[in-house]
Protein backbone atom coordinates (compact mmCIF):
# COMPACT_ATOMS: atom_id res chain seq x y z
CA MET A 1 140.66 128.17 119.12
CA ALA A 2 140.01 124.41 119.35
CA GLN A 3 137.80 122.98 116.64
CA MET A 4 134.88 120.92 117.96
CA GLU A 5 134.01 117.70 116.17
CA SER A 6 130.60 116.30 115.39
CA LYS A 7 129.29 113.39 117.44
CA THR A 8 127.66 110.63 115.43
CA GLU A 9 125.52 107.58 116.02
CA ILE A 10 124.37 104.87 113.63
CA VAL A 11 120.58 104.94 113.37
CA THR A 12 120.26 101.82 111.22
CA SER A 13 122.49 99.85 108.90
CA THR A 14 122.46 97.08 106.31
CA GLU A 15 125.29 95.39 104.42
CA GLN A 16 125.59 98.23 101.88
CA PHE A 17 123.62 101.15 103.34
CA ASP A 18 123.66 103.23 106.53
CA VAL A 19 121.81 106.04 108.25
CA VAL A 20 123.94 108.11 110.61
CA LYS A 21 122.77 110.90 112.90
CA SER A 22 125.30 113.68 113.39
CA TYR A 23 125.21 116.21 116.21
CA GLU A 24 127.03 119.28 114.91
CA PRO A 25 129.00 121.64 117.18
CA ASP A 26 126.57 124.47 116.34
CA GLY A 27 123.66 122.44 117.79
CA GLU A 28 122.23 121.37 114.43
CA THR A 29 121.33 117.71 113.92
CA ILE A 30 122.06 116.26 110.48
CA TYR A 31 120.94 112.87 109.18
CA ASN A 32 123.21 111.20 106.62
CA LEU A 33 121.81 108.53 104.33
CA TYR A 34 124.70 106.50 102.87
CA LEU A 35 123.64 104.54 99.78
CA GLY A 36 126.81 102.98 98.45
CA LYS A 37 128.79 105.79 96.85
CA VAL A 38 125.99 108.33 97.30
CA THR A 39 125.41 110.33 100.49
CA VAL A 40 122.25 112.35 101.08
CA ASN A 41 122.28 114.83 103.96
CA PHE A 42 119.10 116.00 105.71
CA PHE A 43 118.40 118.72 108.23
CA THR A 44 115.86 117.68 110.86
CA GLU A 45 112.85 119.24 109.09
CA GLU A 46 113.80 117.48 105.84
CA TRP A 47 114.38 114.23 107.71
CA ASP A 48 110.87 114.31 109.18
CA GLU A 49 109.36 114.37 105.69
CA PHE A 50 111.77 111.65 104.52
CA LEU A 51 110.64 109.41 107.42
CA GLU A 52 107.02 109.80 106.28
CA PHE A 53 108.13 108.88 102.77
CA ALA A 54 110.13 105.84 103.96
CA ASP A 55 107.14 104.66 106.00
CA GLU A 56 104.99 104.72 102.84
CA VAL A 57 107.65 102.93 100.76
CA VAL A 58 107.84 99.90 103.07
CA LYS A 59 104.07 99.34 102.89
CA ILE A 60 104.15 98.53 99.15
CA PRO A 61 104.83 94.93 98.04
CA LEU A 62 107.80 94.31 95.73
CA GLY A 63 107.13 94.33 92.00
CA ILE A 64 104.21 96.78 92.01
CA THR A 65 104.88 99.12 89.07
CA GLY A 66 104.17 102.82 88.85
CA THR A 67 104.40 105.37 91.63
CA ILE A 68 104.69 103.51 94.93
CA ALA A 69 105.12 106.38 97.41
CA GLU A 70 105.07 110.15 97.19
CA THR A 71 105.40 113.18 99.44
CA GLU A 72 105.88 116.83 98.53
CA SER A 73 109.64 116.36 98.01
CA TYR A 74 110.12 112.61 97.40
CA LEU A 75 108.78 110.03 94.97
CA ALA A 76 109.44 106.30 94.67
CA ALA A 77 108.54 104.38 91.55
CA CYS A 78 109.01 100.96 90.02
CA GLU A 79 109.12 99.96 86.39
CA GLU A 80 110.12 97.00 84.29
CA ILE A 81 112.82 97.76 81.73
CA ASP A 82 114.08 95.02 79.38
CA GLY A 83 112.98 92.35 81.83
CA ASP A 84 114.61 94.02 84.87
CA ILE A 85 112.62 95.51 87.71
CA ILE A 86 114.06 98.99 88.40
CA TYR A 87 113.15 101.12 91.41
CA SER A 88 113.81 104.83 91.67
CA ILE A 89 113.73 107.50 94.33
CA GLU A 90 113.35 111.09 93.16
CA MET A 91 114.40 113.82 95.58
CA PRO A 92 115.42 117.44 95.23
CA GLY A 93 118.56 117.50 93.10
CA ALA A 94 118.82 113.78 92.34
CA THR A 95 117.16 110.61 91.13
CA LEU A 96 118.57 107.31 92.42
CA PHE A 97 118.00 103.98 90.66
CA PHE A 98 118.12 100.51 92.22
CA PHE A 99 117.85 96.94 90.97
CA GLU A 100 115.43 94.73 92.89
CA GLU A 101 118.11 93.14 95.11
CA ASP A 102 119.32 96.55 96.25
CA TRP A 103 115.72 97.74 96.69
CA LYS A 104 115.11 94.87 99.12
CA GLU A 105 118.03 96.21 101.15
CA ILE A 106 116.58 99.75 100.96
CA ILE A 107 113.36 98.33 102.42
CA ASP A 108 115.36 96.69 105.24
CA LEU A 109 117.11 100.01 105.88
CA PHE A 110 113.81 101.93 105.91
CA ASN A 111 112.25 99.33 108.25
CA GLY A 112 115.14 99.99 110.63
CA LEU A 113 114.06 103.62 110.87
CA LYS A 114 110.87 102.72 112.76
């Protein structure tokens, strides 16, 4: 029996980060968020919530500390640690941390989702 391959399309991309939509042979659509060496995979229903989260994240100016966006499953925060501005995204099973330069690129990536 021949094995069918997934079809993919790039949704949005920056220098370091990508979002790729994958159409699986079984009819499922998977969204893949590539953040450097980390890949986060979303089923469509998870992706819908993540889009709401991303839309909230891009509305907040850089440098605002504390919780900057939150949904049922996702939280973004910013804090200053030893003079560095550190951003984080909490999601089921992981917390990702970003320096300000990388966070600016995350914002560009999230803006590309609109």
